[in-house]
Amino acid sequence: MLTGVQTAESFLAWREGDGKKPQLAKSIPTPITIELQKGPPELGIEIEGGLNRGTAEIYIKELKPEGAGRENGLLKPGFEIVEVDGITLRGTKKREAFQILNNAYRSDRPTIKMTVIPV
């Protein structure tokens, strides 16, 4: 993402061969994959977002104290949940995302694989 005239100009100058690297306004967040161990009676992740809320992304709103999401220690409120056990959450409604998360937690597998984008 380029912002500001100076940044765009530095990018164009670099592209034209002046040898200086462009100054980017922000680093691009890198998705990470986390495996959550099942154990507590519930996943304990409250979500927000979704197509019916005006965004294609699903975010962690809260981690409940008794849930597997908090026990893991790697998830934080504000993280975007991109994928759960190979199923994308982008472009879903909040209820659909909730069902995907619940189905994954209720499956016979001992872990849930989640791809998230930290904030």
N, C-alpha and C. Protein backbone atom coordinates (compact mmCIF):
# COMPACT_ATOMS: atom_id res chain seq x y z
N MET A 1 0.85 -1.16 0.00
CA MET A 1 0.00 0.00 0.00
C MET A 1 0.90 1.23 0.00
N LEU A 2 0.73 2.06 -0.96
CA LEU A 2 1.50 3.29 -1.03
C LEU A 2 0.61 4.44 -0.59
N THR A 3 1.14 5.30 0.24
CA THR A 3 0.37 6.47 0.63
C THR A 3 1.24 7.70 0.52
N GLY A 4 0.63 8.79 0.17
CA GLY A 4 1.33 10.07 0.10
C GLY A 4 2.13 10.24 -1.18
N VAL A 5 2.32 11.47 -1.57
CA VAL A 5 3.03 11.79 -2.80
C VAL A 5 4.49 11.37 -2.71
N GLN A 6 5.14 11.62 -1.59
CA GLN A 6 6.55 11.27 -1.47
C GLN A 6 6.76 9.77 -1.61
N THR A 7 5.89 8.98 -1.00
CA THR A 7 6.02 7.53 -1.08
C THR A 7 5.82 7.05 -2.51
N ALA A 8 4.80 7.56 -3.17
CA ALA A 8 4.55 7.16 -4.56
C ALA A 8 5.71 7.59 -5.45
N GLU A 9 6.24 8.79 -5.23
CA GLU A 9 7.38 9.25 -6.02
C GLU A 9 8.60 8.39 -5.78
N SER A 10 8.86 8.00 -4.52
CA SER A 10 10.02 7.16 -4.25
C SER A 10 9.86 5.79 -4.89
N PHE A 11 8.63 5.28 -4.94
CA PHE A 11 8.39 4.01 -5.60
C PHE A 11 8.68 4.12 -7.09
N LEU A 12 8.18 5.17 -7.72
CA LEU A 12 8.41 5.35 -9.16
C LEU A 12 9.89 5.55 -9.46
N ALA A 13 10.58 6.31 -8.62
CA ALA A 13 12.02 6.52 -8.82
C ALA A 13 12.76 5.19 -8.70
N TRP A 14 12.40 4.38 -7.71
CA TRP A 14 13.03 3.07 -7.52
C TRP A 14 12.77 2.18 -8.72
N ARG A 15 11.52 2.21 -9.20
CA ARG A 15 11.14 1.39 -10.34
C ARG A 15 11.93 1.80 -11.59
N GLU A 16 12.23 3.10 -11.69
CA GLU A 16 12.97 3.58 -12.85
C GLU A 16 14.47 3.41 -12.68
N GLY A 17 14.89 2.87 -11.55
CA GLY A 17 16.28 2.49 -11.43
C GLY A 17 17.20 3.42 -10.65
N ASP A 18 16.69 4.23 -9.73
CA ASP A 18 17.61 5.09 -8.99
C ASP A 18 18.29 4.32 -7.85
N GLY A 19 17.88 3.05 -7.62
CA GLY A 19 18.54 2.22 -6.63
C GLY A 19 18.02 2.35 -5.22
N LYS A 20 17.25 3.35 -4.92
CA LYS A 20 16.70 3.50 -3.57
C LYS A 20 15.42 2.70 -3.46
N LYS A 21 15.27 1.99 -2.35
CA LYS A 21 14.06 1.22 -2.13
C LYS A 21 12.92 2.17 -1.78
N PRO A 22 11.68 1.81 -2.17
CA PRO A 22 10.54 2.66 -1.85
C PRO A 22 10.25 2.65 -0.35
N GLN A 23 9.70 3.74 0.12
CA GLN A 23 9.28 3.84 1.52
C GLN A 23 7.81 3.47 1.58
N LEU A 24 7.50 2.33 2.16
CA LEU A 24 6.12 1.89 2.27
C LEU A 24 5.54 2.36 3.60
N ALA A 25 4.29 2.76 3.57
CA ALA A 25 3.65 3.31 4.76
C ALA A 25 3.47 2.27 5.85
N LYS A 26 3.09 1.05 5.50
CA LYS A 26 2.85 0.00 6.48
C LYS A 26 3.40 -1.31 5.95
N SER A 27 3.74 -2.19 6.85
CA SER A 27 4.08 -3.53 6.40
C SER A 27 2.78 -4.30 6.18
N ILE A 28 2.81 -5.25 5.29
CA ILE A 28 1.64 -6.05 4.99
C ILE A 28 1.55 -7.15 6.04
N PRO A 29 0.41 -7.28 6.74
CA PRO A 29 0.30 -8.31 7.76
C PRO A 29 0.41 -9.70 7.15
N THR A 30 1.11 -10.56 7.83
CA THR A 30 1.33 -11.92 7.35
C THR A 30 0.39 -12.88 8.07
N PRO A 31 -0.39 -13.65 7.31
CA PRO A 31 -1.25 -14.65 7.95
C PRO A 31 -0.40 -15.71 8.66
N ILE A 32 -0.89 -16.17 9.80
CA ILE A 32 -0.22 -17.26 10.51
C ILE A 32 -1.24 -18.37 10.74
N THR A 33 -0.75 -19.60 10.81
CA THR A 33 -1.62 -20.75 11.06
C THR A 33 -1.35 -21.25 12.47
N ILE A 34 -2.42 -21.44 13.20
CA ILE A 34 -2.36 -21.87 14.59
C ILE A 34 -3.18 -23.15 14.73
N GLU A 35 -2.65 -24.11 15.49
CA GLU A 35 -3.43 -25.30 15.81
C GLU A 35 -3.88 -25.21 17.26
N LEU A 36 -5.19 -25.18 17.44
CA LEU A 36 -5.76 -25.13 18.78
C LEU A 36 -6.06 -26.54 19.25
N GLN A 37 -5.60 -26.88 20.44
CA GLN A 37 -5.93 -28.15 21.06
C GLN A 37 -7.34 -28.05 21.64
N LYS A 38 -8.14 -29.06 21.37
CA LYS A 38 -9.47 -29.10 21.98
C LYS A 38 -9.31 -29.61 23.40
N GLY A 39 -10.21 -29.29 24.24
CA GLY A 39 -10.14 -29.72 25.63
C GLY A 39 -11.26 -29.09 26.43
N PRO A 40 -11.24 -27.75 26.56
CA PRO A 40 -12.35 -27.11 27.27
C PRO A 40 -13.67 -27.42 26.57
N PRO A 41 -14.79 -27.30 27.30
CA PRO A 41 -16.08 -27.63 26.72
C PRO A 41 -16.48 -26.78 25.51
N GLU A 42 -15.88 -25.60 25.38
CA GLU A 42 -16.24 -24.76 24.23
C GLU A 42 -15.01 -24.05 23.66
N LEU A 43 -15.16 -23.58 22.43
CA LEU A 43 -14.10 -22.84 21.76
C LEU A 43 -13.90 -21.48 22.43
N GLY A 44 -14.99 -20.81 22.79
CA GLY A 44 -14.90 -19.57 23.54
C GLY A 44 -14.42 -18.36 22.75
N ILE A 45 -14.74 -18.32 21.45
CA ILE A 45 -14.37 -17.18 20.62
C ILE A 45 -15.64 -16.47 20.19
N GLU A 46 -15.77 -15.21 20.57
CA GLU A 46 -16.88 -14.40 20.10
C GLU A 46 -16.38 -13.64 18.88
N ILE A 47 -17.17 -13.65 17.80
CA ILE A 47 -16.73 -13.04 16.54
C ILE A 47 -17.59 -11.84 16.19
N GLU A 48 -17.06 -11.04 15.28
CA GLU A 48 -17.79 -9.90 14.72
C GLU A 48 -17.42 -9.77 13.25
N GLY A 49 -18.22 -9.00 12.53
CA GLY A 49 -17.98 -8.80 11.10
C GLY A 49 -18.90 -9.67 10.28
N GLY A 50 -18.54 -9.88 9.05
CA GLY A 50 -19.35 -10.69 8.14
C GLY A 50 -20.11 -9.84 7.14
N LEU A 51 -20.53 -10.48 6.07
CA LEU A 51 -21.21 -9.76 4.99
C LEU A 51 -22.46 -9.03 5.47
N ASN A 52 -23.20 -9.63 6.38
CA ASN A 52 -24.40 -8.96 6.88
C ASN A 52 -24.08 -7.80 7.83
N ARG A 53 -22.80 -7.61 8.15
CA ARG A 53 -22.37 -6.50 9.00
C ARG A 53 -21.54 -5.48 8.21
N GLY A 54 -21.52 -5.64 6.89
CA GLY A 54 -20.86 -4.65 6.04
C GLY A 54 -19.39 -4.90 5.74
N THR A 55 -18.89 -6.09 6.07
CA THR A 55 -17.50 -6.40 5.76
C THR A 55 -17.38 -7.87 5.37
N ALA A 56 -16.40 -8.18 4.54
CA ALA A 56 -16.19 -9.56 4.11
C ALA A 56 -15.37 -10.34 5.12
N GLU A 57 -14.79 -9.65 6.12
CA GLU A 57 -13.89 -10.31 7.07
C GLU A 57 -14.62 -10.66 8.36
N ILE A 58 -14.08 -11.68 9.05
CA ILE A 58 -14.57 -12.08 10.37
C ILE A 58 -13.44 -11.84 11.35
N TYR A 59 -13.74 -11.18 12.45
CA TYR A 59 -12.74 -10.82 13.45
C TYR A 59 -13.06 -11.43 14.80
N ILE A 60 -12.02 -11.65 15.61
CA ILE A 60 -12.22 -12.08 16.99
C ILE A 60 -12.61 -10.85 17.80
N LYS A 61 -13.79 -10.90 18.40
CA LYS A 61 -14.26 -9.79 19.23
C LYS A 61 -13.80 -9.98 20.67
N GLU A 62 -13.92 -11.23 21.15
CA GLU A 62 -13.58 -11.52 22.55
C GLU A 62 -13.20 -12.99 22.70
N LEU A 63 -12.30 -13.26 23.64
CA LEU A 63 -11.94 -14.63 24.00
C LEU A 63 -12.46 -14.89 25.40
N LYS A 64 -13.34 -15.85 25.52
CA LYS A 64 -13.93 -16.15 26.83
C LYS A 64 -12.93 -16.92 27.69
N PRO A 65 -12.90 -16.64 29.00
CA PRO A 65 -11.91 -17.25 29.89
C PRO A 65 -11.92 -18.78 29.89
N GLU A 66 -13.09 -19.38 29.71
CA GLU A 66 -13.19 -20.84 29.80
C GLU A 66 -12.98 -21.55 28.47
N GLY A 67 -12.61 -20.84 27.41
CA GLY A 67 -12.54 -21.44 26.09
C GLY A 67 -11.16 -21.83 25.63
N ALA A 68 -11.13 -22.70 24.63
CA ALA A 68 -9.88 -23.17 24.04
C ALA A 68 -9.13 -22.04 23.34
N GLY A 69 -9.86 -21.07 22.81
CA GLY A 69 -9.23 -19.94 22.12
C GLY A 69 -8.31 -19.14 23.02
N ARG A 70 -8.69 -18.95 24.27
CA ARG A 70 -7.85 -18.21 25.22
C ARG A 70 -6.74 -19.10 25.77
N GLU A 71 -7.05 -20.36 26.02
CA GLU A 71 -6.08 -21.29 26.59
C GLU A 71 -4.83 -21.39 25.74
N ASN A 72 -5.00 -21.32 24.44
CA ASN A 72 -3.88 -21.42 23.50
C ASN A 72 -2.86 -20.30 23.71
N GLY A 73 -3.34 -19.09 24.00
CA GLY A 73 -2.46 -17.96 24.26
C GLY A 73 -1.97 -17.22 23.02
N LEU A 74 -2.28 -17.71 21.83
CA LEU A 74 -1.80 -17.07 20.61
C LEU A 74 -2.83 -16.18 19.94
N LEU A 75 -4.09 -16.42 20.21
CA LEU A 75 -5.15 -15.61 19.60
C LEU A 75 -5.41 -14.37 20.44
N LYS A 76 -5.78 -13.29 19.78
CA LYS A 76 -6.05 -12.03 20.46
C LYS A 76 -7.28 -11.37 19.82
N PRO A 77 -8.05 -10.61 20.60
CA PRO A 77 -9.15 -9.84 20.01
C PRO A 77 -8.61 -8.91 18.92
N GLY A 78 -9.36 -8.80 17.84
CA GLY A 78 -8.96 -7.97 16.71
C GLY A 78 -8.34 -8.76 15.57
N PHE A 79 -7.86 -9.98 15.84
CA PHE A 79 -7.30 -10.80 14.77
C PHE A 79 -8.41 -11.13 13.78
N GLU A 80 -8.08 -11.14 12.51
CA GLU A 80 -9.01 -11.62 11.49
C GLU A 80 -8.85 -13.13 11.38
N ILE A 81 -9.96 -13.85 11.37
CA ILE A 81 -9.93 -15.30 11.14
C ILE A 81 -10.17 -15.50 9.65
N VAL A 82 -9.16 -15.97 8.96
CA VAL A 82 -9.24 -16.13 7.51
C VAL A 82 -9.80 -17.50 7.14
N GLU A 83 -9.35 -18.53 7.86
CA GLU A 83 -9.69 -19.89 7.48
C GLU A 83 -9.74 -20.78 8.72
N VAL A 84 -10.65 -21.76 8.70
CA VAL A 84 -10.76 -22.74 9.78
C VAL A 84 -10.83 -24.12 9.15
N ASP A 85 -9.85 -24.97 9.46
CA ASP A 85 -9.77 -26.32 8.91
C ASP A 85 -9.97 -26.34 7.40
N GLY A 86 -9.35 -25.40 6.72
CA GLY A 86 -9.39 -25.35 5.26
C GLY A 86 -10.62 -24.66 4.68
N ILE A 87 -11.52 -24.18 5.51
CA ILE A 87 -12.73 -23.49 5.02
C ILE A 87 -12.55 -22.00 5.24
N THR A 88 -12.66 -21.24 4.17
CA THR A 88 -12.48 -19.79 4.27
C THR A 88 -13.68 -19.14 4.96
N LEU A 89 -13.38 -18.14 5.79
CA LEU A 89 -14.44 -17.37 6.43
C LEU A 89 -14.67 -16.04 5.72
N ARG A 90 -13.76 -15.65 4.87
CA ARG A 90 -13.95 -14.39 4.13
C ARG A 90 -15.13 -14.53 3.19
N GLY A 91 -15.98 -13.52 3.22
CA GLY A 91 -17.14 -13.54 2.36
C GLY A 91 -18.32 -14.29 2.94
N THR A 92 -18.26 -14.63 4.24
CA THR A 92 -19.39 -15.30 4.87
C THR A 92 -20.16 -14.32 5.74
N LYS A 93 -21.38 -14.70 6.08
CA LYS A 93 -22.14 -13.95 7.07
C LYS A 93 -21.67 -14.38 8.45
N LYS A 94 -21.94 -13.56 9.44
CA LYS A 94 -21.49 -13.86 10.80
C LYS A 94 -22.02 -15.22 11.27
N ARG A 95 -23.28 -15.50 11.02
CA ARG A 95 -23.87 -16.78 11.45
C ARG A 95 -23.19 -17.97 10.77
N GLU A 96 -22.89 -17.83 9.48
CA GLU A 96 -22.19 -18.92 8.76
C GLU A 96 -20.81 -19.16 9.36
N ALA A 97 -20.10 -18.08 9.66
CA ALA A 97 -18.77 -18.20 10.26
C ALA A 97 -18.87 -18.87 11.63
N PHE A 98 -19.88 -18.50 12.40
CA PHE A 98 -20.10 -19.11 13.71
C PHE A 98 -20.33 -20.61 13.58
N GLN A 99 -21.13 -21.02 12.60
CA GLN A 99 -21.40 -22.45 12.37
C GLN A 99 -20.14 -23.19 11.95
N ILE A 100 -19.33 -22.58 11.10
CA ILE A 100 -18.07 -23.21 10.66
C ILE A 100 -17.15 -23.43 11.86
N LEU A 101 -17.03 -22.42 12.72
CA LEU A 101 -16.20 -22.55 13.93
C LEU A 101 -16.73 -23.64 14.85
N ASN A 102 -18.04 -23.65 15.09
CA ASN A 102 -18.63 -24.67 15.97
C ASN A 102 -18.49 -26.07 15.41
N ASN A 103 -18.72 -26.22 14.11
CA ASN A 103 -18.57 -27.55 13.49
C ASN A 103 -17.14 -28.05 13.61
N ALA A 104 -16.19 -27.16 13.43
CA ALA A 104 -14.78 -27.54 13.54
C ALA A 104 -14.46 -27.99 14.97
N TYR A 105 -15.01 -27.29 15.95
CA TYR A 105 -14.73 -27.63 17.35
C TYR A 105 -15.41 -28.93 17.77
N ARG A 106 -16.53 -29.22 17.17
CA ARG A 106 -17.28 -30.44 17.50
C ARG A 106 -16.83 -31.66 16.69
N SER A 107 -15.93 -31.47 15.74
CA SER A 107 -15.47 -32.60 14.91
C SER A 107 -14.67 -33.59 15.75
N ASP A 108 -14.36 -34.73 15.17
CA ASP A 108 -13.61 -35.79 15.87
C ASP A 108 -12.12 -35.51 15.96
N ARG A 109 -11.63 -34.53 15.21
CA ARG A 109 -10.19 -34.24 15.23
C ARG A 109 -9.80 -33.61 16.57
N PRO A 110 -8.58 -33.88 17.05
CA PRO A 110 -8.16 -33.35 18.35
C PRO A 110 -7.75 -31.87 18.31
N THR A 111 -7.58 -31.32 17.11
CA THR A 111 -7.16 -29.92 16.99
C THR A 111 -8.00 -29.21 15.93
N ILE A 112 -7.95 -27.90 15.97
CA ILE A 112 -8.53 -27.05 14.92
C ILE A 112 -7.39 -26.25 14.34
N LYS A 113 -7.31 -26.21 13.02
CA LYS A 113 -6.29 -25.41 12.35
C LYS A 113 -6.93 -24.10 11.91
N MET A 114 -6.39 -22.98 12.40
CA MET A 114 -6.93 -21.67 12.06
C MET A 114 -5.85 -20.81 11.43
N THR A 115 -6.19 -20.14 10.35
CA THR A 115 -5.31 -19.15 9.76
C THR A 115 -5.88 -17.79 10.14
N VAL A 116 -5.03 -16.98 10.76
CA VAL A 116 -5.45 -15.66 11.24
C VAL A 116 -4.47 -14.60 10.76
N ILE A 117 -4.93 -13.37 10.75
CA ILE A 117 -4.07 -12.23 10.46
C ILE A 117 -4.01 -11.38 11.73
N PRO A 118 -2.84 -11.34 12.37
CA PRO A 118 -2.70 -10.54 13.60
C PRO A 118 -2.81 -9.04 13.32
N VAL A 119 -3.20 -8.31 14.33
CA VAL A 119 -3.24 -6.85 14.23
C VAL A 119 -2.16 -6.24 15.09
